[in-house]
Amino acid sequence: MRLIEELQQSVREEQSLFRAQLLREDIDRLTKLGDLARSAGDLDTFKKAGRRIGWTQGDARTGELGEALDALLDAVFDYETGGAGSEQEARIRDTWLALHRVRMERLVGCLSTPVPKPVE
């Protein structure tokens, strides 16, 4: 999958240890998705397993990724079960970018929520 290769290149070029670690975690997730797609008997089985590979901390908020995650799962499943090609590679990359945007919006939203001050 070309996206994994692109992310691996980004890790090699990344100066921030934090961002490099996040990239490695995403590479691991995409690798797991590929393995799951090849071993799952059908799309529904794959999607159930694919939603539980640590998209959010403890997968507690993975449900909030909704359509963006489903689109990526569909694209990876199609790619790994016989639809490999440049169109599928582009579809995976597009759905990945959309998912990444949604994940970052959720993360920033969590981080920007004011912490209540203790009552004295």
Protein backbone atom coordinates (compact mmCIF):
# COMPACT_ATOMS: atom_id res chain seq x y z
CA MET A 1 0.00 0.00 0.00
CA ARG A 2 1.53 3.25 -1.16
CA LEU A 3 0.16 5.21 1.82
CA ILE A 4 2.24 3.11 4.21
CA GLU A 5 5.34 3.82 2.13
CA GLU A 6 4.55 7.56 2.20
CA LEU A 7 4.12 7.52 5.97
CA GLN A 8 7.37 5.58 6.40
CA GLN A 9 9.15 8.25 4.35
CA SER A 10 7.57 10.92 6.54
CA VAL A 11 8.91 9.16 9.65
CA ARG A 12 12.43 9.22 8.21
CA GLU A 13 12.14 12.96 7.53
CA GLU A 14 10.29 13.98 10.68
CA GLN A 15 12.29 16.02 13.17
CA SER A 16 9.76 15.86 16.00
CA LEU A 17 10.01 12.66 18.03
CA PHE A 18 6.37 13.05 19.01
CA ARG A 19 5.11 13.36 15.43
CA ALA A 20 7.37 10.50 14.32
CA GLN A 21 5.84 8.28 17.00
CA LEU A 22 2.32 9.19 15.87
CA LEU A 23 3.27 8.32 12.29
CA ARG A 24 4.66 4.94 13.40
CA GLU A 25 1.42 4.22 15.24
CA ASP A 26 -0.57 5.05 12.11
CA ILE A 27 1.68 2.78 10.03
CA ASP A 28 1.00 -0.02 12.51
CA ARG A 29 -2.76 0.59 12.27
CA LEU A 30 -2.71 0.52 8.46
CA THR A 31 -0.58 -2.64 8.47
CA LYS A 32 -3.07 -4.29 10.85
CA LEU A 33 -5.94 -3.23 8.59
CA GLY A 34 -4.26 -4.88 5.62
CA ASP A 35 -3.74 -8.09 7.59
CA LEU A 36 -7.32 -8.05 8.85
CA ALA A 37 -8.73 -7.46 5.38
CA ARG A 38 -6.84 -10.42 3.95
CA SER A 39 -7.91 -12.74 6.77
CA ALA A 40 -11.52 -11.62 7.30
CA GLY A 41 -14.21 -13.62 5.63
CA ASP A 42 -16.36 -10.63 4.75
CA LEU A 43 -16.61 -6.86 4.96
CA ASP A 44 -18.74 -6.77 8.13
CA THR A 45 -16.29 -8.97 10.06
CA PHE A 46 -13.41 -6.83 8.84
CA LYS A 47 -15.12 -3.58 9.81
CA LYS A 48 -15.92 -4.81 13.33
CA ALA A 49 -12.29 -5.76 13.87
CA GLY A 50 -10.95 -2.71 12.03
CA ARG A 51 -12.81 -0.31 14.32
CA ARG A 52 -11.04 -1.75 17.35
CA ILE A 53 -7.35 -1.28 16.63
CA GLY A 54 -6.74 1.83 18.69
CA TRP A 55 -7.98 4.72 16.56
CA THR A 56 -8.56 6.65 19.78
CA GLN A 57 -7.24 6.05 23.29
CA GLY A 58 -8.70 2.69 24.28
CA ASP A 59 -11.06 3.07 21.31
CA ALA A 60 -13.30 5.00 23.71
CA ARG A 61 -14.12 7.67 21.11
CA THR A 62 -13.66 5.68 17.91
CA GLY A 63 -17.41 5.82 17.27
CA GLU A 64 -17.05 9.57 16.75
CA LEU A 65 -14.92 8.92 13.66
CA GLY A 66 -18.03 7.57 11.93
CA GLU A 67 -18.24 7.89 8.16
CA ALA A 68 -14.60 8.89 7.75
CA LEU A 69 -13.40 5.64 9.37
CA ASP A 70 -15.98 3.57 7.49
CA ALA A 71 -14.82 5.04 4.18
CA LEU A 72 -11.20 4.09 4.93
CA LEU A 73 -12.20 0.59 6.02
CA ASP A 74 -14.18 0.10 2.80
CA ALA A 75 -11.24 1.33 0.70
CA VAL A 76 -8.68 -0.88 2.45
CA PHE A 77 -10.93 -3.93 2.24
CA ASP A 78 -11.52 -3.40 -1.48
CA TYR A 79 -7.79 -2.88 -2.07
CA GLU A 80 -6.71 -5.96 -0.12
CA THR A 81 -9.36 -8.25 -1.59
CA GLY A 82 -8.53 -7.74 -5.22
CA GLY A 83 -9.02 -4.10 -6.04
CA ALA A 84 -5.38 -3.03 -5.94
CA GLY A 85 -4.43 -0.38 -8.44
CA SER A 86 -3.77 3.32 -8.76
CA GLU A 87 -7.45 4.25 -8.37
CA GLN A 88 -7.67 2.25 -5.16
CA GLU A 89 -4.40 3.76 -3.91
CA ALA A 90 -5.86 7.24 -4.51
CA ARG A 91 -9.09 6.26 -2.77
CA ILE A 92 -7.17 5.00 0.27
CA ARG A 93 -5.11 8.18 0.42
CA ASP A 94 -8.20 10.41 0.10
CA THR A 95 -10.13 8.53 2.79
CA TRP A 96 -7.04 8.51 5.02
CA LEU A 97 -6.70 12.28 4.76
CA ALA A 98 -10.38 12.74 5.61
CA LEU A 99 -10.06 10.41 8.62
CA HIS A 100 -6.90 12.18 9.78
CA ARG A 101 -8.72 15.53 9.66
CA VAL A 102 -11.60 14.19 11.74
CA ARG A 103 -9.23 12.60 14.28
CA MET A 104 -7.26 15.84 14.65
CA GLU A 105 -10.46 17.86 15.06
CA ARG A 106 -11.54 15.53 17.87
CA LEU A 107 -8.12 15.71 19.51
CA VAL A 108 -7.93 19.49 19.31
CA GLY A 109 -11.49 19.72 20.60
CA CYS A 110 -10.58 17.61 23.61
CA LEU A 111 -7.45 19.62 24.29
CA SER A 112 -9.14 22.98 23.91
CA THR A 113 -11.97 22.28 26.32
CA PRO A 114 -11.39 24.39 29.42
CA VAL A 115 -10.60 22.45 32.54
CA PRO A 116 -12.97 23.39 35.33
CA LYS A 117 -11.32 25.13 38.25
CA PRO A 118 -11.57 23.40 41.58
CA VAL A 119 -14.20 24.75 43.92
CA GLU A 120 -12.63 26.29 46.98
